[in-house]
């Protein structure tokens, strides 16, 4: 990954930019507009390539905050109502998943990532290095009337600098240094931290526990605070500028979804198994 965390030029023709709630917001109506927005205007001085360094997250509701699955456990009105069950949830996943896991998780951090990957509520938030994969998840079919969707971009390197982490995504072995560098970190210690403990957020690159993680260029953010949305957490620490929300108007969702099919970003490729094949066929002919 390039070391320079420069934000791409966001004045592509057709895209409309504004700032709401301290988070930059850009309206995109086509896949081409989106690609133009996230492509840096000038090459990186180190690599000589025009590659964005952010990570992306698709949202089926443009106005929804960045809530983790743990935040949503028990509902979102209010959110965080069952955050105190976090430790119980992971303990039960570890207890009951082992017969099916084929020994893939080698420590408790990997168990946490495996739990998130399989839909268990955790404080991890899914991201991808690919803006097109973020757009895929933003435009997946939903029930009811069509609504505006969003793709969030996070300048994670700026977040790392703010919390004094290296300008590299964390690996599992790096997580041991989260708490004062004493090499005694664990999910359980994270769960036990008081609200008054030093706050932090960072990006974690998971091991490829299966083909889906690799296919989706997956990454996760982990945050010390489980009592507010991730965007609220960043804003409260003066880091709202690390987020950009690319809004897809309701009337543009279907077109952008079809354009993703044209470039081969679909369920069959991002869920490389029979369920992914079936989902792609079901949506394509639906």
Protein backbone atom coordinates (compact mmCIF):
# COMPACT_ATOMS: atom_id res chain seq x y z
CA UNK A 1 0.00 0.00 0.00
CA UNK A 2 1.30 3.55 -0.72
CA UNK A 3 2.46 5.54 2.27
CA UNK A 4 0.87 8.77 1.09
CA UNK A 5 -2.73 9.04 2.36
CA UNK A 6 -3.74 11.74 -0.11
CA UNK A 7 -7.47 12.08 -0.62
CA UNK A 8 -8.51 11.77 -4.26
CA UNK A 9 -9.71 14.84 -6.11
CA UNK A 10 -13.47 15.00 -5.60
CA UNK A 11 -14.53 17.39 -8.34
CA UNK A 12 -15.32 14.87 -11.05
CA UNK A 13 -17.74 16.08 -13.72
CA UNK A 14 -21.30 15.38 -12.62
CA UNK A 15 -20.49 14.72 -8.98
CA UNK A 16 -21.84 17.24 -6.51
CA UNK A 17 -19.94 17.79 -3.26
CA UNK A 18 -21.10 19.30 0.00
CA UNK A 19 -20.41 18.89 3.70
CA UNK A 20 -23.07 17.66 6.12
CA UNK A 21 -22.68 17.00 9.85
CA UNK A 22 -18.94 17.70 9.44
CA UNK A 23 -18.61 14.75 7.03
CA UNK A 24 -17.89 15.48 3.37
CA UNK A 25 -20.70 14.29 1.11
CA UNK A 26 -20.52 13.75 -2.66
CA UNK A 27 -23.44 12.75 -4.85
CA UNK A 28 -22.63 10.20 -7.56
CA UNK A 29 -25.01 8.98 -10.25
CA UNK A 30 -22.86 6.61 -12.32
CA UNK A 31 -20.03 4.19 -11.73
CA UNK A 32 -17.80 6.35 -13.92
CA UNK A 33 -18.36 9.38 -11.69
CA UNK A 34 -17.50 7.30 -8.66
CA UNK A 35 -14.29 5.94 -10.17
CA UNK A 36 -13.26 9.46 -11.18
CA UNK A 37 -13.90 10.72 -7.66
CA UNK A 38 -11.74 8.09 -5.96
CA UNK A 39 -8.88 8.21 -8.46
CA UNK A 40 -6.10 10.60 -7.33
CA UNK A 41 -5.39 13.35 -9.85
CA UNK A 42 -1.63 13.06 -9.42
CA UNK A 43 0.55 9.96 -9.01
CA UNK A 44 1.82 8.99 -5.58
CA UNK A 45 5.35 10.42 -5.18
CA UNK A 46 6.66 7.07 -3.89
CA UNK A 47 4.93 4.51 -6.13
CA UNK A 48 4.19 6.65 -9.17
CA UNK A 49 0.68 5.14 -9.29
CA UNK A 50 -2.76 6.69 -8.98
CA UNK A 51 -4.08 4.43 -6.24
CA UNK A 52 -6.36 5.51 -3.48
CA UNK A 53 -5.30 4.55 0.05
CA UNK A 54 -8.73 4.65 1.68
CA UNK A 55 -11.10 1.83 2.57
CA UNK A 56 -14.78 1.67 1.66
CA UNK A 57 -18.06 0.50 3.17
CA UNK A 58 -21.38 0.20 1.36
CA UNK A 59 -24.58 1.26 3.12
CA UNK A 60 -28.10 0.47 1.94
CA UNK A 61 -29.38 3.65 3.64
CA UNK A 62 -27.45 6.85 2.92
CA UNK A 63 -28.67 8.49 6.13
CA UNK A 64 -27.84 5.65 8.50
CA UNK A 65 -24.88 6.08 10.89
CA UNK A 66 -21.96 3.68 10.87
CA UNK A 67 -23.27 1.11 13.32
CA UNK A 68 -21.56 -2.20 14.02
CA UNK A 69 -23.55 -5.41 14.26
CA UNK A 70 -23.09 -5.17 18.04
CA UNK A 71 -24.56 -1.66 17.95
CA UNK A 72 -27.62 -3.05 16.14
CA UNK A 73 -28.12 -6.01 18.47
CA UNK A 74 -31.47 -5.39 20.15
CA UNK A 75 -32.49 -2.78 17.56
CA UNK A 76 -31.32 0.66 16.52
CA UNK A 77 -33.93 2.80 18.27
CA UNK A 78 -32.07 3.06 20.53
CA UNK A 79 -28.83 1.46 19.38
CA UNK A 80 -26.20 -0.06 21.69
CA UNK A 81 -28.89 -1.41 24.02
CA UNK A 82 -27.23 -4.84 24.29
CA UNK A 83 -23.59 -3.81 24.04
CA UNK A 84 -22.89 -5.32 27.46
CA UNK A 85 -23.59 -8.79 26.02
CA UNK A 86 -20.48 -8.60 23.82
CA UNK A 87 -18.37 -11.00 25.89
CA UNK A 88 -21.19 -13.53 26.22
CA UNK A 89 -21.78 -13.47 22.46
CA UNK A 90 -18.15 -14.23 21.61
CA UNK A 91 -17.80 -16.89 24.31
CA UNK A 92 -20.80 -18.76 22.91
CA UNK A 93 -19.50 -18.46 19.36
CA UNK A 94 -16.18 -19.98 20.40
CA UNK A 95 -17.98 -22.68 22.34
CA UNK A 96 -20.34 -23.81 19.58
CA UNK A 97 -18.38 -23.04 16.41
CA UNK A 98 -15.36 -25.24 17.04
CA UNK A 99 -16.82 -28.45 15.50
CA UNK A 100 -17.45 -26.54 12.25
CA UNK A 101 -14.35 -24.33 12.15
CA UNK A 102 -11.78 -26.96 11.06
CA UNK A 103 -9.23 -25.32 13.36
CA UNK A 104 -8.95 -22.18 11.25
CA UNK A 105 -8.89 -19.66 14.11
CA UNK A 106 -5.61 -19.89 16.01
CA UNK A 107 -6.18 -17.30 18.75
CA UNK A 108 -8.92 -15.20 20.32
CA UNK A 109 -8.44 -12.28 17.91
CA UNK A 110 -9.02 -14.63 14.98
CA UNK A 111 -12.09 -16.01 16.76
CA UNK A 112 -13.44 -12.46 16.95
CA UNK A 113 -12.80 -11.91 13.23
CA UNK A 114 -14.34 -15.28 12.38
CA UNK A 115 -17.42 -14.39 14.41
CA UNK A 116 -17.85 -11.11 12.55
CA UNK A 117 -17.25 -12.81 9.21
CA UNK A 118 -20.06 -15.29 9.87
CA UNK A 119 -22.61 -12.74 11.05
CA UNK A 120 -22.21 -12.83 14.82
CA UNK A 121 -22.67 -9.38 16.43
CA UNK A 122 -19.28 -7.82 17.23
CA UNK A 123 -17.76 -4.35 17.56
CA UNK A 124 -15.86 -4.83 14.28
CA UNK A 125 -16.96 -2.86 11.23
CA UNK A 126 -16.50 -4.32 7.73
CA UNK A 127 -14.60 -2.37 5.07
CA UNK A 128 -12.98 -3.17 1.73
CA UNK A 129 -10.00 -1.76 -0.13
CA UNK A 130 -12.07 -1.78 -3.33
CA UNK A 131 -14.46 1.13 -3.98
CA UNK A 132 -16.34 -1.07 -6.47
CA UNK A 133 -16.92 -3.75 -3.85
CA UNK A 134 -18.14 -1.01 -1.51
CA UNK A 135 -20.58 0.06 -4.25
CA UNK A 136 -21.71 -3.54 -4.65
CA UNK A 137 -22.73 -3.79 -1.00
CA UNK A 138 -24.34 -0.35 -1.15
CA UNK A 139 -26.60 -1.33 -4.05
CA UNK A 140 -27.74 -4.79 -2.99
CA UNK A 141 -31.53 -5.30 -3.24
CA UNK A 142 -33.65 -4.22 -0.28
CA UNK A 143 -37.33 -4.59 0.47
CA UNK A 144 -39.69 -1.66 0.10
CA UNK A 145 -39.39 1.55 -1.89
CA UNK A 146 -35.97 2.41 -3.29
CA UNK A 147 -33.94 4.85 -1.24
CA UNK A 148 -30.64 6.68 -1.47
CA UNK A 149 -27.61 4.51 -0.80
CA UNK A 150 -24.08 5.44 0.23
CA UNK A 151 -20.49 4.32 -0.01
CA UNK A 152 -18.38 5.55 2.88
CA UNK A 153 -14.65 6.18 2.47
CA UNK A 154 -12.31 6.16 5.48
CA UNK A 155 -8.85 7.72 5.48
CA UNK A 156 -7.58 5.14 7.95
CA UNK A 157 -3.99 6.32 7.79
CA UNK A 158 -5.02 9.67 9.20
CA UNK A 159 -6.92 7.83 11.95
CA UNK A 160 -3.77 5.84 12.74
CA UNK A 161 -1.71 8.99 13.01
CA UNK A 162 -4.24 10.54 15.38
CA UNK A 163 -4.03 7.54 17.72
CA UNK A 164 -0.27 7.09 17.26
CA UNK A 165 -0.38 3.83 15.35
CA UNK A 166 1.96 2.97 12.46
CA UNK A 167 0.82 3.95 8.93
CA UNK A 168 0.16 0.28 8.20
CA UNK A 169 -2.99 -1.75 8.69
CA UNK A 170 -2.78 -3.94 11.78
CA UNK A 171 -2.22 -7.66 11.48
CA UNK A 172 -3.37 -10.09 14.16
CA UNK A 173 0.06 -10.14 15.77
CA UNK A 174 0.08 -6.32 15.90
CA UNK A 175 -3.07 -6.23 18.03
CA UNK A 176 -1.01 -7.30 21.05
CA UNK A 177 0.38 -3.77 21.14
CA UNK A 178 -2.97 -1.99 21.32
CA UNK A 179 -2.81 -1.49 25.08
CA UNK A 180 0.30 0.42 26.09
CA UNK A 181 2.57 -1.89 24.09
CA UNK A 182 2.75 -4.42 26.91
CA UNK A 183 2.02 -7.38 24.62
CA UNK A 184 -0.87 -8.56 26.77
CA UNK A 185 -3.78 -7.54 24.60
CA UNK A 186 -6.79 -9.74 23.88
CA UNK A 187 -10.46 -9.28 22.96
CA UNK A 188 -11.32 -10.03 26.58
CA UNK A 189 -9.11 -7.22 27.82
CA UNK A 190 -10.67 -4.92 25.25
CA UNK A 191 -14.16 -5.86 26.48
CA UNK A 192 -13.16 -5.17 30.08
CA UNK A 193 -11.84 -1.67 29.42
CA UNK A 194 -13.69 1.08 31.26
CA UNK A 195 -15.27 3.89 29.25
CA UNK A 196 -12.65 6.23 30.69
CA UNK A 197 -9.73 4.27 29.21
CA UNK A 198 -7.66 5.78 26.40
CA UNK A 199 -9.73 5.80 23.20
CA UNK A 200 -8.48 4.38 19.94
CA UNK A 201 -9.55 3.16 16.52
CA UNK A 202 -7.52 1.27 13.95
CA UNK A 203 -7.74 -0.76 10.76
CA UNK A 204 -7.16 -4.52 10.92
CA UNK A 205 -6.35 -6.76 7.96
CA UNK A 206 -7.80 -10.20 8.70
CA UNK A 207 -6.12 -13.47 7.76
CA UNK A 208 -7.76 -15.17 4.79
CA UNK A 209 -9.86 -17.57 6.82
CA UNK A 210 -11.72 -18.45 3.63
CA UNK A 211 -11.94 -17.42 -0.02
CA UNK A 212 -14.63 -14.83 0.64
CA UNK A 213 -12.37 -12.63 2.79
CA UNK A 214 -9.75 -12.59 0.03
CA UNK A 215 -12.28 -12.04 -2.78
CA UNK A 216 -13.81 -9.04 -1.01
CA UNK A 217 -10.45 -7.38 -0.18
CA UNK A 218 -11.78 -7.24 3.35
CA UNK A 219 -10.56 -5.17 6.28
CA UNK A 220 -12.10 -4.24 9.62
CA UNK A 221 -12.01 -1.27 11.93
CA UNK A 222 -11.93 -1.88 15.65
CA UNK A 223 -12.83 0.85 18.09
CA UNK A 224 -12.48 1.22 21.85
CA UNK A 225 -15.96 2.75 22.14
CA UNK A 226 -19.02 0.52 21.75
CA UNK A 227 -21.49 3.16 22.92
CA UNK A 228 -21.67 5.38 19.84
CA UNK A 229 -21.58 4.96 16.08
CA UNK A 230 -18.18 4.92 14.42
CA UNK A 231 -18.80 8.21 12.60
CA UNK A 232 -19.86 9.84 15.88
CA UNK A 233 -16.73 8.49 17.57
CA UNK A 234 -14.49 9.96 14.87
CA UNK A 235 -16.33 13.28 14.95
CA UNK A 236 -16.03 13.50 18.74
CA UNK A 237 -12.25 13.16 18.36
CA UNK A 238 -11.94 15.80 15.65
CA UNK A 239 -11.60 13.22 12.87
CA UNK A 240 -14.78 13.80 10.85
CA UNK A 241 -12.58 14.79 7.92
CA UNK A 242 -11.34 11.20 7.67
CA UNK A 243 -14.78 10.21 6.36
CA UNK A 244 -16.38 10.88 2.99
CA UNK A 245 -19.92 9.77 2.16
CA UNK A 246 -20.62 9.11 -1.52
CA UNK A 247 -24.40 9.25 -1.91
CA UNK A 248 -26.18 7.35 -4.67
CA UNK A 249 -29.65 8.90 -5.23
CA UNK A 250 -32.54 6.43 -5.25
CA UNK A 251 -33.17 6.94 -8.97
CA UNK A 252 -29.53 6.05 -9.79
CA UNK A 253 -29.21 2.84 -7.76
CA UNK A 254 -30.45 0.44 -10.46
CA UNK A 255 -28.22 1.95 -13.14
CA UNK A 256 -25.13 1.80 -10.96
CA UNK A 257 -25.96 -1.80 -10.01
CA UNK A 258 -26.16 -2.74 -13.70
CA UNK A 259 -22.86 -1.01 -14.35
CA UNK A 260 -21.26 -3.12 -11.63
CA UNK A 261 -22.50 -6.22 -13.44
CA UNK A 262 -20.84 -4.91 -16.61
CA UNK A 263 -17.44 -4.82 -14.89
CA UNK A 264 -17.89 -8.20 -13.20
CA UNK A 265 -18.55 -7.11 -9.62
CA UNK A 266 -21.32 -9.47 -8.53
CA UNK A 267 -22.28 -12.15 -6.02
CA UNK A 268 -20.67 -14.97 -8.01
CA UNK A 269 -17.23 -13.41 -7.71
CA UNK A 270 -17.50 -11.92 -4.22
CA UNK A 271 -19.13 -15.00 -2.66
CA UNK A 272 -17.11 -17.74 -4.39
CA UNK A 273 -19.35 -20.69 -3.59
CA UNK A 274 -22.66 -22.17 -4.71
CA UNK A 275 -24.65 -19.71 -2.60
CA UNK A 276 -22.91 -16.85 -4.43
CA UNK A 277 -23.67 -18.39 -7.82
CA UNK A 278 -27.33 -18.82 -6.87
CA UNK A 279 -27.58 -15.27 -5.49
CA UNK A 280 -26.13 -13.79 -8.69
CA UNK A 281 -28.59 -15.73 -10.87
CA UNK A 282 -31.53 -14.87 -8.62
CA UNK A 283 -30.83 -11.15 -8.68
CA UNK A 284 -29.84 -10.98 -12.37
CA UNK A 285 -33.06 -12.62 -13.55
CA UNK A 286 -35.27 -11.23 -10.79
